Amino acid sequence: MLSALIIDDEAPSREELKALLAAAPDVEVLGECANAIEGLSAIHRLRPDVVFLDIQMPRLSGLEMVGMIDASALPQIVFVTAYDEHALKAFEEHAADYLLKPIDPQRLARTLDWLRSGVRHSPRAFPGSTEKLRQIPCFGRNRIFLLALDEVEFIHTDLAGVQVIGKQRQGTTELSLKILQERTSLIRCHRQFLDNLEQRRSLALPPARRAFDIGKQE
């Protein structure tokens, strides 16, 4: 059985792809997401074999989203997009396959055959996967949002996940501390903490919760 996740901001496109995949008895659609932030959470939670991913989505593109996932946790990626075929050639090396909208059932069948073969595509680094993040995708209080990096005070892990603490709001992110350390200017000051030295002058660390001065020395 091949497990799949659909991430596309256009509901008709999601419905079309679900209907086509329903004709394949060995494909199980685990879920669908309307944006990349929901997609990050679903990939982490559902662990699909393959993600059918739209490239052009508001706020966070499909390419940006994939660049935020640890390589060890990255499923097979199949782009589903309205990009013209010539433009998509630039992305071929970064994904298992691509499908053009509207989806050709025969083209989808070839993609599924390749996925069933068990040959795992080893993508090169996705465009933007080494660029510094300017915002962090978060969720909390029944909403999803992007928190600008200059609003972040610190990030820590607990039993609930990776918590992003900002000046005015906070949330949980599916990004790992490893990715956040590599892709931001935040400093790891403890095994479970990343700190934004530009925003804070002290940091309280568990379990003693003692505050350490991290301000500039005169």
N, C-alpha and C. Protein backbone atom coordinates (compact mmCIF):
# COMPACT_ATOMS: atom_id res chain seq x y z
N MET A 1 0.84 -1.20 0.00
CA MET A 1 0.00 0.00 0.00
C MET A 1 0.88 1.25 0.00
N LEU A 2 0.55 2.18 -0.87
CA LEU A 2 1.28 3.44 -0.99
C LEU A 2 0.47 4.53 -0.31
N SER A 3 1.02 5.15 0.71
CA SER A 3 0.30 6.21 1.42
C SER A 3 0.66 7.57 0.85
N ALA A 4 -0.36 8.42 0.69
CA ALA A 4 -0.16 9.70 0.02
C ALA A 4 -0.79 10.85 0.79
N LEU A 5 -0.21 12.02 0.61
CA LEU A 5 -0.73 13.27 1.17
C LEU A 5 -0.81 14.28 0.05
N ILE A 6 -1.90 15.04 -0.01
CA ILE A 6 -2.10 16.06 -1.03
C ILE A 6 -2.01 17.44 -0.38
N ILE A 7 -1.15 18.31 -0.92
CA ILE A 7 -1.02 19.68 -0.42
C ILE A 7 -1.21 20.64 -1.59
N ASP A 8 -2.31 21.37 -1.57
CA ASP A 8 -2.65 22.29 -2.66
C ASP A 8 -3.65 23.30 -2.12
N ASP A 9 -3.45 24.57 -2.44
CA ASP A 9 -4.36 25.60 -1.91
C ASP A 9 -5.67 25.68 -2.69
N GLU A 10 -5.76 24.96 -3.81
CA GLU A 10 -6.98 25.00 -4.62
C GLU A 10 -7.81 23.74 -4.37
N ALA A 11 -8.99 23.92 -3.78
CA ALA A 11 -9.86 22.78 -3.45
C ALA A 11 -10.23 21.94 -4.67
N PRO A 12 -10.59 22.54 -5.81
CA PRO A 12 -10.92 21.71 -6.98
C PRO A 12 -9.76 20.81 -7.42
N SER A 13 -8.55 21.32 -7.32
CA SER A 13 -7.38 20.51 -7.69
C SER A 13 -7.20 19.34 -6.74
N ARG A 14 -7.42 19.60 -5.45
CA ARG A 14 -7.32 18.50 -4.48
C ARG A 14 -8.36 17.43 -4.75
N GLU A 15 -9.59 17.87 -5.05
CA GLU A 15 -10.67 16.91 -5.31
C GLU A 15 -10.39 16.10 -6.57
N GLU A 16 -9.87 16.76 -7.60
CA GLU A 16 -9.55 16.05 -8.84
C GLU A 16 -8.51 14.97 -8.59
N LEU A 17 -7.45 15.32 -7.87
CA LEU A 17 -6.39 14.35 -7.62
C LEU A 17 -6.88 13.21 -6.73
N LYS A 18 -7.68 13.52 -5.72
CA LYS A 18 -8.23 12.47 -4.86
C LYS A 18 -9.06 11.48 -5.67
N ALA A 19 -9.87 12.00 -6.58
CA ALA A 19 -10.72 11.12 -7.40
C ALA A 19 -9.87 10.21 -8.29
N LEU A 20 -8.79 10.75 -8.85
CA LEU A 20 -7.92 9.94 -9.69
C LEU A 20 -7.18 8.89 -8.87
N LEU A 21 -6.72 9.26 -7.69
CA LEU A 21 -6.00 8.31 -6.84
C LEU A 21 -6.93 7.23 -6.30
N ALA A 22 -8.22 7.57 -6.15
CA ALA A 22 -9.18 6.58 -5.64
C ALA A 22 -9.33 5.40 -6.59
N ALA A 23 -8.97 5.59 -7.85
CA ALA A 23 -9.07 4.50 -8.83
C ALA A 23 -7.93 3.49 -8.68
N ALA A 24 -6.92 3.86 -7.89
CA ALA A 24 -5.79 2.94 -7.65
C ALA A 24 -6.01 2.24 -6.32
N PRO A 25 -6.31 0.94 -6.31
CA PRO A 25 -6.67 0.24 -5.07
C PRO A 25 -5.54 0.14 -4.06
N ASP A 26 -4.29 0.33 -4.51
CA ASP A 26 -3.16 0.21 -3.59
C ASP A 26 -2.63 1.56 -3.12
N VAL A 27 -3.40 2.62 -3.35
CA VAL A 27 -3.01 3.96 -2.90
C VAL A 27 -4.01 4.44 -1.85
N GLU A 28 -3.49 4.83 -0.70
CA GLU A 28 -4.33 5.36 0.38
C GLU A 28 -4.00 6.83 0.59
N VAL A 29 -4.99 7.70 0.41
CA VAL A 29 -4.80 9.13 0.66
C VAL A 29 -5.02 9.37 2.15
N LEU A 30 -3.96 9.70 2.85
CA LEU A 30 -4.03 9.88 4.30
C LEU A 30 -4.68 11.20 4.69
N GLY A 31 -4.60 12.18 3.80
CA GLY A 31 -5.18 13.48 4.12
C GLY A 31 -4.88 14.49 3.05
N GLU A 32 -5.40 15.69 3.25
CA GLU A 32 -5.15 16.80 2.33
C GLU A 32 -4.98 18.08 3.12
N CYS A 33 -4.20 18.99 2.59
CA CYS A 33 -3.92 20.26 3.26
C CYS A 33 -4.08 21.40 2.26
N ALA A 34 -4.56 22.53 2.76
CA ALA A 34 -4.82 23.67 1.89
C ALA A 34 -3.68 24.68 1.87
N ASN A 35 -2.64 24.45 2.66
CA ASN A 35 -1.49 25.35 2.64
C ASN A 35 -0.26 24.62 3.15
N ALA A 36 0.89 25.25 2.96
CA ALA A 36 2.15 24.59 3.29
C ALA A 36 2.37 24.44 4.79
N ILE A 37 1.84 25.35 5.59
CA ILE A 37 2.03 25.23 7.04
C ILE A 37 1.28 24.01 7.56
N GLU A 38 0.04 23.83 7.11
CA GLU A 38 -0.69 22.61 7.47
C GLU A 38 0.05 21.39 6.94
N GLY A 39 0.64 21.53 5.77
CA GLY A 39 1.37 20.42 5.16
C GLY A 39 2.54 19.96 6.00
N LEU A 40 3.30 20.90 6.55
CA LEU A 40 4.43 20.54 7.41
C LEU A 40 3.96 19.70 8.59
N SER A 41 2.86 20.13 9.21
CA SER A 41 2.32 19.41 10.36
C SER A 41 1.85 18.01 9.95
N ALA A 42 1.17 17.92 8.81
CA ALA A 42 0.64 16.63 8.36
C ALA A 42 1.75 15.65 7.99
N ILE A 43 2.81 16.14 7.36
CA ILE A 43 3.94 15.27 7.03
C ILE A 43 4.56 14.70 8.30
N HIS A 44 4.72 15.56 9.30
CA HIS A 44 5.30 15.13 10.57
C HIS A 44 4.40 14.12 11.27
N ARG A 45 3.10 14.33 11.19
CA ARG A 45 2.14 13.49 11.93
C ARG A 45 1.81 12.19 11.19
N LEU A 46 1.65 12.26 9.87
CA LEU A 46 1.15 11.11 9.11
C LEU A 46 2.25 10.26 8.48
N ARG A 47 3.42 10.83 8.25
CA ARG A 47 4.54 10.12 7.63
C ARG A 47 4.14 9.42 6.32
N PRO A 48 3.65 10.18 5.34
CA PRO A 48 3.24 9.55 4.07
C PRO A 48 4.44 9.07 3.27
N ASP A 49 4.19 8.11 2.38
CA ASP A 49 5.24 7.66 1.46
C ASP A 49 5.53 8.71 0.39
N VAL A 50 4.47 9.39 -0.05
CA VAL A 50 4.61 10.37 -1.12
C VAL A 50 3.72 11.58 -0.84
N VAL A 51 4.20 12.75 -1.21
CA VAL A 51 3.42 13.98 -1.10
C VAL A 51 3.22 14.55 -2.50
N PHE A 52 1.97 14.75 -2.87
CA PHE A 52 1.63 15.45 -4.11
C PHE A 52 1.50 16.92 -3.75
N LEU A 53 2.43 17.72 -4.23
CA LEU A 53 2.64 19.07 -3.70
C LEU A 53 2.54 20.14 -4.78
N ASP A 54 1.67 21.10 -4.55
CA ASP A 54 1.60 22.28 -5.42
C ASP A 54 2.81 23.17 -5.13
N ILE A 55 3.36 23.78 -6.16
CA ILE A 55 4.51 24.67 -5.96
C ILE A 55 4.05 26.07 -5.57
N GLN A 56 3.10 26.61 -6.32
CA GLN A 56 2.68 27.99 -6.11
C GLN A 56 1.53 28.04 -5.11
N MET A 57 1.85 28.44 -3.87
CA MET A 57 0.85 28.62 -2.83
C MET A 57 1.14 29.92 -2.09
N PRO A 58 0.11 30.59 -1.57
CA PRO A 58 0.33 31.86 -0.88
C PRO A 58 1.08 31.67 0.43
N ARG A 59 1.79 32.72 0.84
CA ARG A 59 2.49 32.80 2.12
C ARG A 59 3.75 31.94 2.17
N LEU A 60 3.62 30.67 1.84
CA LEU A 60 4.76 29.76 1.86
C LEU A 60 4.61 28.81 0.68
N SER A 61 5.58 28.84 -0.24
CA SER A 61 5.47 28.00 -1.44
C SER A 61 5.82 26.55 -1.13
N GLY A 62 5.47 25.68 -2.07
CA GLY A 62 5.81 24.28 -1.90
C GLY A 62 7.31 24.06 -1.81
N LEU A 63 8.07 24.78 -2.62
CA LEU A 63 9.53 24.65 -2.58
C LEU A 63 10.09 25.10 -1.24
N GLU A 64 9.59 26.23 -0.72
CA GLU A 64 10.04 26.70 0.59
C GLU A 64 9.71 25.69 1.67
N MET A 65 8.52 25.10 1.59
CA MET A 65 8.11 24.13 2.59
C MET A 65 9.03 22.92 2.61
N VAL A 66 9.33 22.37 1.44
CA VAL A 66 10.17 21.18 1.37
C VAL A 66 11.57 21.48 1.91
N GLY A 67 12.05 22.69 1.67
CA GLY A 67 13.37 23.07 2.17
C GLY A 67 13.45 23.17 3.67
N MET A 68 12.31 23.13 4.36
CA MET A 68 12.27 23.21 5.82
C MET A 68 12.23 21.84 6.49
N ILE A 69 12.17 20.78 5.71
CA ILE A 69 12.04 19.43 6.28
C ILE A 69 13.40 18.76 6.35
N ASP A 70 13.69 18.12 7.48
CA ASP A 70 14.93 17.36 7.59
C ASP A 70 14.98 16.30 6.49
N ALA A 71 16.15 16.14 5.88
CA ALA A 71 16.29 15.18 4.79
C ALA A 71 15.90 13.77 5.22
N SER A 72 16.17 13.44 6.48
CA SER A 72 15.86 12.09 6.97
C SER A 72 14.36 11.83 7.07
N ALA A 73 13.57 12.91 7.13
CA ALA A 73 12.11 12.76 7.27
C ALA A 73 11.37 13.13 6.00
N LEU A 74 12.10 13.35 4.91
CA LEU A 74 11.49 13.83 3.67
C LEU A 74 10.87 12.68 2.88
N PRO A 75 9.55 12.73 2.63
CA PRO A 75 8.93 11.69 1.79
C PRO A 75 9.25 11.94 0.32
N GLN A 76 8.83 11.03 -0.54
CA GLN A 76 8.94 11.28 -1.97
C GLN A 76 8.05 12.47 -2.33
N ILE A 77 8.54 13.35 -3.18
CA ILE A 77 7.80 14.55 -3.56
C ILE A 77 7.43 14.47 -5.04
N VAL A 78 6.15 14.68 -5.32
CA VAL A 78 5.67 14.80 -6.70
C VAL A 78 5.02 16.18 -6.82
N PHE A 79 5.60 17.04 -7.62
CA PHE A 79 5.02 18.37 -7.82
C PHE A 79 3.78 18.27 -8.69
N VAL A 80 2.73 18.97 -8.29
CA VAL A 80 1.50 19.06 -9.07
C VAL A 80 1.26 20.55 -9.28
N THR A 81 1.40 21.02 -10.50
CA THR A 81 1.45 22.46 -10.69
C THR A 81 0.96 22.89 -12.07
N ALA A 82 0.68 24.17 -12.18
CA ALA A 82 0.28 24.74 -13.46
C ALA A 82 1.47 25.34 -14.20
N TYR A 83 2.67 25.23 -13.63
CA TYR A 83 3.87 25.65 -14.35
C TYR A 83 3.91 24.97 -15.72
N ASP A 84 4.45 25.65 -16.72
CA ASP A 84 4.58 24.97 -18.01
C ASP A 84 5.71 23.95 -17.93
N GLU A 85 5.67 22.99 -18.83
CA GLU A 85 6.58 21.85 -18.77
C GLU A 85 8.04 22.27 -18.86
N HIS A 86 8.34 23.30 -19.65
CA HIS A 86 9.73 23.73 -19.80
C HIS A 86 10.25 24.32 -18.49
N ALA A 87 9.42 25.11 -17.80
CA ALA A 87 9.84 25.68 -16.53
C ALA A 87 10.07 24.59 -15.49
N LEU A 88 9.27 23.53 -15.55
CA LEU A 88 9.38 22.46 -14.56
C LEU A 88 10.67 21.65 -14.71
N LYS A 89 11.30 21.71 -15.87
CA LYS A 89 12.54 20.97 -16.05
C LYS A 89 13.58 21.38 -15.01
N ALA A 90 13.51 22.64 -14.56
CA ALA A 90 14.47 23.13 -13.57
C ALA A 90 14.30 22.45 -12.22
N PHE A 91 13.10 21.86 -11.97
CA PHE A 91 12.83 21.25 -10.68
C PHE A 91 12.93 19.73 -10.72
N GLU A 92 13.17 19.14 -11.89
CA GLU A 92 13.15 17.68 -12.02
C GLU A 92 14.12 16.99 -11.07
N GLU A 93 15.30 17.58 -10.90
CA GLU A 93 16.31 16.92 -10.07
C GLU A 93 15.99 16.99 -8.58
N HIS A 94 14.99 17.79 -8.22
CA HIS A 94 14.66 17.98 -6.82
C HIS A 94 13.47 17.15 -6.35
N ALA A 95 12.85 16.38 -7.24
CA ALA A 95 11.64 15.65 -6.86
C ALA A 95 11.59 14.31 -7.59
N ALA A 96 10.72 13.43 -7.09
CA ALA A 96 10.55 12.13 -7.73
C ALA A 96 9.93 12.28 -9.11
N ASP A 97 8.98 13.21 -9.25
CA ASP A 97 8.29 13.40 -10.52
C ASP A 97 7.49 14.69 -10.44
N TYR A 98 6.83 15.03 -11.54
CA TYR A 98 5.93 16.18 -11.54
C TYR A 98 4.73 15.88 -12.42
N LEU A 99 3.61 16.52 -12.10
CA LEU A 99 2.37 16.40 -12.88
C LEU A 99 1.87 17.79 -13.21
N LEU A 100 1.42 17.97 -14.44
CA LEU A 100 0.89 19.25 -14.87
C LEU A 100 -0.62 19.28 -14.70
N LYS A 101 -1.14 20.43 -14.27
CA LYS A 101 -2.60 20.62 -14.18
C LYS A 101 -3.13 21.06 -15.54
N PRO A 102 -4.30 20.56 -15.96
CA PRO A 102 -5.07 19.47 -15.35
C PRO A 102 -4.35 18.14 -15.52
N ILE A 103 -4.51 17.27 -14.55
CA ILE A 103 -3.73 16.04 -14.51
C ILE A 103 -4.21 15.04 -15.56
N ASP A 104 -3.27 14.51 -16.30
CA ASP A 104 -3.53 13.45 -17.28
C ASP A 104 -3.52 12.12 -16.53
N PRO A 105 -4.63 11.37 -16.52
CA PRO A 105 -4.68 10.09 -15.79
C PRO A 105 -3.57 9.12 -16.19
N GLN A 106 -3.22 9.08 -17.47
CA GLN A 106 -2.17 8.17 -17.91
C GLN A 106 -0.80 8.60 -17.37
N ARG A 107 -0.60 9.91 -17.32
CA ARG A 107 0.67 10.43 -16.76
C ARG A 107 0.75 10.11 -15.27
N LEU A 108 -0.36 10.24 -14.55
CA LEU A 108 -0.41 9.89 -13.13
C LEU A 108 -0.13 8.40 -12.95
N ALA A 109 -0.69 7.56 -13.82
CA ALA A 109 -0.48 6.12 -13.73
C ALA A 109 1.01 5.77 -13.85
N ARG A 110 1.73 6.48 -14.73
CA ARG A 110 3.17 6.23 -14.87
C ARG A 110 3.91 6.64 -13.60
N THR A 111 3.48 7.75 -13.02
CA THR A 111 4.10 8.20 -11.77
C THR A 111 3.89 7.17 -10.66
N LEU A 112 2.68 6.65 -10.55
CA LEU A 112 2.38 5.65 -9.52
C LEU A 112 3.18 4.37 -9.75
N ASP A 113 3.32 3.97 -11.01
CA ASP A 113 4.12 2.78 -11.31
C ASP A 113 5.56 2.96 -10.84
N TRP A 114 6.09 4.14 -11.08
CA TRP A 114 7.48 4.42 -10.66
C TRP A 114 7.58 4.40 -9.14
N LEU A 115 6.60 4.98 -8.45
CA LEU A 115 6.62 4.98 -6.99
C LEU A 115 6.48 3.56 -6.44
N ARG A 116 5.67 2.75 -7.09
CA ARG A 116 5.49 1.36 -6.64
C ARG A 116 6.77 0.55 -6.80
N SER A 117 7.62 0.95 -7.71
CA SER A 117 8.85 0.19 -7.96
C SER A 117 9.77 0.18 -6.75
N GLY A 118 9.56 1.13 -5.85
CA GLY A 118 10.37 1.18 -4.64
C GLY A 118 11.71 1.85 -4.82
N VAL A 119 11.99 2.35 -6.02
CA VAL A 119 13.24 3.08 -6.25
C VAL A 119 13.09 4.47 -5.65
N ARG A 120 13.88 4.76 -4.64
CA ARG A 120 13.73 6.04 -3.96
C ARG A 120 14.58 7.10 -4.62
N HIS A 121 13.94 8.20 -4.96
CA HIS A 121 14.65 9.34 -5.54
C HIS A 121 15.44 10.03 -4.45
N SER A 122 16.69 10.35 -4.72
CA SER A 122 17.52 11.08 -3.77
C SER A 122 17.71 12.49 -4.30
N PRO A 123 16.87 13.42 -3.87
CA PRO A 123 16.91 14.76 -4.45
C PRO A 123 18.14 15.54 -4.04
N ARG A 124 18.56 16.42 -4.92
CA ARG A 124 19.57 17.39 -4.53
C ARG A 124 18.89 18.42 -3.64
N ALA A 125 19.71 19.31 -3.08
CA ALA A 125 19.13 20.32 -2.19
C ALA A 125 18.08 21.12 -2.94
N PHE A 126 16.94 21.33 -2.29
CA PHE A 126 15.88 22.11 -2.92
C PHE A 126 16.28 23.57 -2.99
N PRO A 127 15.82 24.29 -4.03
CA PRO A 127 16.10 25.72 -4.11
C PRO A 127 15.63 26.40 -2.83
N GLY A 128 16.54 27.17 -2.20
CA GLY A 128 16.16 27.87 -0.98
C GLY A 128 16.36 27.06 0.28
N SER A 129 16.80 25.78 0.15
CA SER A 129 16.92 24.95 1.34
C SER A 129 18.10 25.33 2.22
N THR A 130 19.01 26.16 1.72
CA THR A 130 20.13 26.61 2.53
C THR A 130 20.04 28.10 2.84
N GLU A 131 19.01 28.76 2.35
CA GLU A 131 18.85 30.18 2.62
C GLU A 131 18.35 30.39 4.04
N LYS A 132 18.69 31.54 4.61
CA LYS A 132 18.24 31.86 5.96
C LYS A 132 16.73 32.09 5.96
N LEU A 133 16.07 31.56 6.98
CA LEU A 133 14.63 31.76 7.12
C LEU A 133 14.36 33.17 7.63
N ARG A 134 13.34 33.79 7.07
CA ARG A 134 12.91 35.11 7.55
C ARG A 134 11.65 35.02 8.40
N GLN A 135 10.98 33.88 8.34
CA GLN A 135 9.78 33.66 9.14
C GLN A 135 9.66 32.17 9.45
N ILE A 136 8.96 31.88 10.54
CA ILE A 136 8.83 30.50 11.01
C ILE A 136 7.36 30.10 10.99
N PRO A 137 7.00 29.02 10.30
CA PRO A 137 5.60 28.57 10.29
C PRO A 137 5.22 27.99 11.64
N CYS A 138 4.11 28.47 12.20
CA CYS A 138 3.67 28.05 13.54
C CYS A 138 2.17 27.76 13.53
N PHE A 139 1.73 27.04 14.56
CA PHE A 139 0.31 26.86 14.77
C PHE A 139 0.02 26.92 16.27
N GLY A 140 -1.17 27.34 16.61
CA GLY A 140 -1.58 27.44 18.00
C GLY A 140 -2.93 28.11 18.12
N ARG A 141 -3.69 27.71 19.14
CA ARG A 141 -5.02 28.28 19.37
C ARG A 141 -5.90 28.19 18.13
N ASN A 142 -5.87 27.02 17.50
CA ASN A 142 -6.72 26.73 16.34
C ASN A 142 -6.45 27.64 15.14
N ARG A 143 -5.23 28.12 15.02
CA ARG A 143 -4.87 28.93 13.86
C ARG A 143 -3.44 28.64 13.46
N ILE A 144 -3.12 28.96 12.22
CA ILE A 144 -1.76 28.82 11.74
C ILE A 144 -1.26 30.20 11.32
N PHE A 145 0.04 30.42 11.46
CA PHE A 145 0.57 31.74 11.14
C PHE A 145 2.07 31.64 10.90
N LEU A 146 2.62 32.69 10.29
CA LEU A 146 4.05 32.81 10.09
C LEU A 146 4.57 33.88 11.05
N LEU A 147 5.56 33.53 11.85
CA LEU A 147 6.12 34.45 12.82
C LEU A 147 7.46 34.96 12.29
N ALA A 148 7.54 36.28 12.08
CA ALA A 148 8.77 36.87 11.55
C ALA A 148 9.92 36.63 12.53
N LEU A 149 11.10 36.36 12.00
CA LEU A 149 12.23 36.02 12.84
C LEU A 149 12.58 37.15 13.81
N ASP A 150 12.40 38.41 13.38
CA ASP A 150 12.75 39.51 14.27
C ASP A 150 11.74 39.69 15.41
N GLU A 151 10.64 38.93 15.38
CA GLU A 151 9.69 38.94 16.49
C GLU A 151 9.99 37.84 17.51
N VAL A 152 10.86 36.91 17.14
CA VAL A 152 11.13 35.75 18.00
C VAL A 152 12.11 36.12 19.10
N GLU A 153 11.78 35.74 20.34
CA GLU A 153 12.69 35.93 21.46
C GLU A 153 13.53 34.68 21.71
N PHE A 154 12.88 33.53 21.77
CA PHE A 154 13.62 32.28 21.90
C PHE A 154 12.75 31.11 21.48
N ILE A 155 13.38 29.97 21.29
CA ILE A 155 12.70 28.73 20.90
C ILE A 155 13.17 27.63 21.84
N HIS A 156 12.25 26.80 22.29
CA HIS A 156 12.65 25.69 23.15
C HIS A 156 11.79 24.47 22.85
N THR A 157 12.25 23.32 23.27
CA THR A 157 11.49 22.08 23.10
C THR A 157 10.91 21.63 24.43
N ASP A 158 9.73 21.04 24.37
CA ASP A 158 9.12 20.41 25.54
C ASP A 158 8.36 19.18 25.06
N LEU A 159 7.58 18.57 25.94
CA LEU A 159 6.86 17.36 25.56
C LEU A 159 5.85 17.59 24.44
N ALA A 160 5.41 18.84 24.28
CA ALA A 160 4.42 19.16 23.25
C ALA A 160 5.05 19.44 21.89
N GLY A 161 6.37 19.62 21.85
CA GLY A 161 7.02 19.90 20.59
C GLY A 161 8.00 21.05 20.67
N VAL A 162 8.22 21.71 19.54
CA VAL A 162 9.14 22.85 19.46
C VAL A 162 8.32 24.13 19.59
N GLN A 163 8.58 24.88 20.65
CA GLN A 163 7.79 26.07 20.97
C GLN A 163 8.54 27.34 20.56
N VAL A 164 7.86 28.20 19.82
CA VAL A 164 8.44 29.46 19.37
C VAL A 164 7.82 30.59 20.19
N ILE A 165 8.64 31.31 20.94
CA ILE A 165 8.17 32.36 21.83
C ILE A 165 8.50 33.71 21.22
N GLY A 166 7.47 34.48 20.89
CA GLY A 166 7.66 35.80 20.31
C GLY A 166 7.33 36.91 21.27
N LYS A 167 7.49 38.14 20.83
CA LYS A 167 7.20 39.29 21.67
C LYS A 167 5.72 39.38 22.01
N GLN A 168 4.86 39.14 21.02
CA GLN A 168 3.43 39.31 21.20
C GLN A 168 2.65 38.00 21.15
N ARG A 169 3.22 36.95 20.60
CA ARG A 169 2.49 35.69 20.47
C ARG A 169 3.47 34.53 20.42
N GLN A 170 2.96 33.34 20.59
CA GLN A 170 3.79 32.16 20.55
C GLN A 170 3.03 31.01 19.91
N GLY A 171 3.76 30.01 19.46
CA GLY A 171 3.13 28.88 18.81
C GLY A 171 4.07 27.70 18.75
N THR A 172 3.58 26.63 18.17
CA THR A 172 4.37 25.41 17.99
C THR A 172 4.75 25.29 16.52
N THR A 173 5.96 24.85 16.25
CA THR A 173 6.40 24.66 14.88
C THR A 173 6.81 23.21 14.65
N GLU A 174 6.67 22.75 13.41
CA GLU A 174 7.11 21.41 13.05
C GLU A 174 8.58 21.38 12.64
N LEU A 175 9.22 22.55 12.56
CA LEU A 175 10.64 22.58 12.21
C LEU A 175 11.47 22.09 13.39
N SER A 176 12.52 21.36 13.10
CA SER A 176 13.38 20.84 14.16
C SER A 176 14.35 21.93 14.63
N LEU A 177 14.88 21.76 15.85
CA LEU A 177 15.89 22.70 16.34
C LEU A 177 17.10 22.70 15.41
N LYS A 178 17.42 21.55 14.83
CA LYS A 178 18.56 21.47 13.91
C LYS A 178 18.35 22.37 12.71
N ILE A 179 17.19 22.29 12.08
CA ILE A 179 16.89 23.14 10.93
C ILE A 179 16.88 24.60 11.35
N LEU A 180 16.26 24.91 12.48
CA LEU A 180 16.16 26.29 12.94
C LEU A 180 17.54 26.87 13.26
N GLN A 181 18.41 26.07 13.83
CA GLN A 181 19.75 26.56 14.12
C GLN A 181 20.53 26.80 12.83
N GLU A 182 20.38 25.90 11.86
CA GLU A 182 21.12 26.03 10.60
C GLU A 182 20.61 27.16 9.73
N ARG A 183 19.30 27.43 9.80
CA ARG A 183 18.67 28.33 8.84
C ARG A 183 18.30 29.69 9.42
N THR A 184 18.70 29.98 10.68
CA THR A 184 18.44 31.28 11.28
C THR A 184 19.70 31.77 11.99
N SER A 185 19.63 32.98 12.52
CA SER A 185 20.75 33.54 13.29
C SER A 185 20.62 33.23 14.78
N LEU A 186 19.63 32.41 15.15
CA LEU A 186 19.45 32.06 16.56
C LEU A 186 20.63 31.23 17.06
N ILE A 187 20.97 31.44 18.33
CA ILE A 187 22.13 30.79 18.93
C ILE A 187 21.67 29.68 19.87
N ARG A 188 22.27 28.49 19.74
CA ARG A 188 21.95 27.41 20.68
C ARG A 188 22.72 27.66 21.97
N CYS A 189 21.99 27.96 23.04
CA CYS A 189 22.61 28.26 24.32
C CYS A 189 22.35 27.15 25.34
N HIS A 190 21.64 26.13 24.93
CA HIS A 190 21.29 25.00 25.79
C HIS A 190 20.81 23.90 24.86
N ARG A 191 20.85 22.67 25.31
CA ARG A 191 20.45 21.55 24.45
C ARG A 191 19.04 21.71 23.92
N GLN A 192 18.17 22.37 24.68
CA GLN A 192 16.76 22.51 24.30
C GLN A 192 16.38 23.93 23.92
N PHE A 193 17.34 24.85 23.84
CA PHE A 193 17.02 26.25 23.61
C PHE A 193 17.81 26.85 22.46
N LEU A 194 17.13 27.68 21.68
CA LEU A 194 17.76 28.60 20.74
C LEU A 194 17.34 29.99 21.16
N ASP A 195 18.28 30.92 21.15
CA ASP A 195 17.97 32.26 21.64
C ASP A 195 18.29 33.31 20.59
N ASN A 196 17.45 34.34 20.53
CA ASN A 196 17.66 35.48 19.64
C ASN A 196 18.36 36.57 20.43
N LEU A 197 19.67 36.62 20.34
CA LEU A 197 20.45 37.55 21.15
C LEU A 197 20.15 39.00 20.81
N GLU A 198 19.62 39.25 19.63
CA GLU A 198 19.30 40.62 19.24
C GLU A 198 18.05 41.13 19.94
N GLN A 199 17.24 40.22 20.48
CA GLN A 199 15.97 40.61 21.07
C GLN A 199 15.95 40.52 22.60
N ARG A 200 16.89 39.75 23.19
CA ARG A 200 16.83 39.49 24.62
C ARG A 200 18.17 39.77 25.29
N ARG A 201 18.10 40.14 26.56
CA ARG A 201 19.31 40.40 27.33
C ARG A 201 19.54 39.35 28.41
N SER A 202 18.54 38.48 28.66
CA SER A 202 18.73 37.42 29.64
C SER A 202 17.90 36.22 29.22
N LEU A 203 18.27 35.06 29.74
CA LEU A 203 17.58 33.82 29.39
C LEU A 203 17.44 32.96 30.63
N ALA A 204 16.22 32.48 30.89
CA ALA A 204 15.98 31.57 32.01
C ALA A 204 15.98 30.14 31.49
N LEU A 205 16.80 29.29 32.11
CA LEU A 205 16.91 27.91 31.67
C LEU A 205 16.35 26.97 32.73
N PRO A 206 15.61 25.93 32.35
CA PRO A 206 15.12 24.96 33.32
C PRO A 206 16.28 24.06 33.76
N PRO A 207 16.20 23.37 34.95
CA PRO A 207 15.02 23.41 35.83
C PRO A 207 15.08 24.52 36.87
N ALA A 208 16.26 25.11 37.08
CA ALA A 208 16.40 26.10 38.15
C ALA A 208 15.78 27.43 37.77
N ARG A 209 15.59 27.64 36.44
CA ARG A 209 15.00 28.88 35.93
C ARG A 209 15.83 30.09 36.33
N ARG A 210 17.14 29.94 36.39
CA ARG A 210 18.00 31.07 36.71
C ARG A 210 18.20 31.93 35.47
N ALA A 211 18.27 33.22 35.65
CA ALA A 211 18.45 34.14 34.52
C ALA A 211 19.93 34.42 34.32
N PHE A 212 20.41 34.29 33.10
CA PHE A 212 21.79 34.57 32.78
C PHE A 212 21.85 35.83 31.91
N ASP A 213 22.71 36.78 32.29
CA ASP A 213 22.84 38.01 31.52
C ASP A 213 23.55 37.71 30.21
N ILE A 214 22.94 38.10 29.11
CA ILE A 214 23.57 37.89 27.81
C ILE A 214 23.72 39.21 27.07
N GLY A 215 23.64 40.31 27.80
CA GLY A 215 23.77 41.63 27.19
C GLY A 215 25.21 41.94 26.84
N LYS A 216 25.40 42.99 26.06
CA LYS A 216 26.74 43.38 25.66
C LYS A 216 27.51 43.93 26.85
N GLN A 217 28.79 43.61 26.91
CA GLN A 217 29.65 44.12 27.96
C GLN A 217 30.18 45.49 27.55
N GLU A 218 30.17 46.43 28.50
CA GLU A 218 30.68 47.78 28.21
C GLU A 218 32.20 47.80 28.32
